[in-house]
Amino acid sequence: MAIGRRALVGAVARRLPWGPIGATAAACAAFTWVRAVQVDAAELVTPLRLSAVLLAGAAAGCLEDPAEVLTATTPFGRLRRRALAVAMTAAIVTVVWFAVVGVASVLTSDPARGPGIPAGGLTIELIATCAAGWLLAAWISASIGWRGSGMRAAIGVVIATLLSLAQPDVMGWLWAMPGSGAAWTDAHEHWALVGLVACVGAAALSRDPARRSVGWLRRA
């Protein structure tokens, strides 16, 4: 069983979207760090939010599993395999994110230029956006199959972000700016709720169809 677990970790690691995450990380780092030299911390919130959306889109590809049909009968079900892929991808994205935010914070660390980067709130936004991407990827995979689900989910994350910015009510509900007092706190409570609902939805869509059928038959 231990050998099986190691093989599973290796198989999941090999199919993670290393290329998209690496390319997105490089682009986000370059853009954010260039802006950090030019502006103060308050004006970096928008570039960092853009970076979070792009990283979440790249992370959505971790649920693409060409071997899903072949591994459906293994002891490691779809939910466990996807949870492992999400955990490994989340670890990679977290390292990238804090590297970008950390360097940007150093470049803008000047008390005379106002408060620093609100890393905590922006990290909540990143996590919730990643969860939304995984929910979209799981839904697309369940609807039309795994092929291309990551790319479609990434596009869906970007479109959903643009739509939320185009709606004043939704924009106020999610996209409060630092320094807005209670609105900033409320917005991140909303982000946490979005992330929680998305995680639950993605987990529900990742259950093995065979196990769902067995559970239904037992209840019947």
Foldseek 3Di string as FASTA:
>chain_A
DVVVVVVLLVLLVVQFLPPQLVVLLVVLLVVLLVVLLVAAQLVSPVSLLVSLLSNLLSRLLSLQDPCQVVCCPPPQHQLNSSVSSSVVSVVVSVVSSCVSQVSSQVSRVDVVRPDHHPVVLSVLLSLLLSLQLNLQLLVVCLVPHRPCSSVVSSVVSVVVVVVLVVDVVSCQLAPDGPPPPVSSVNNSVVSNVSSVVSNVNSSVSRGRPVVVVVVVVVVD
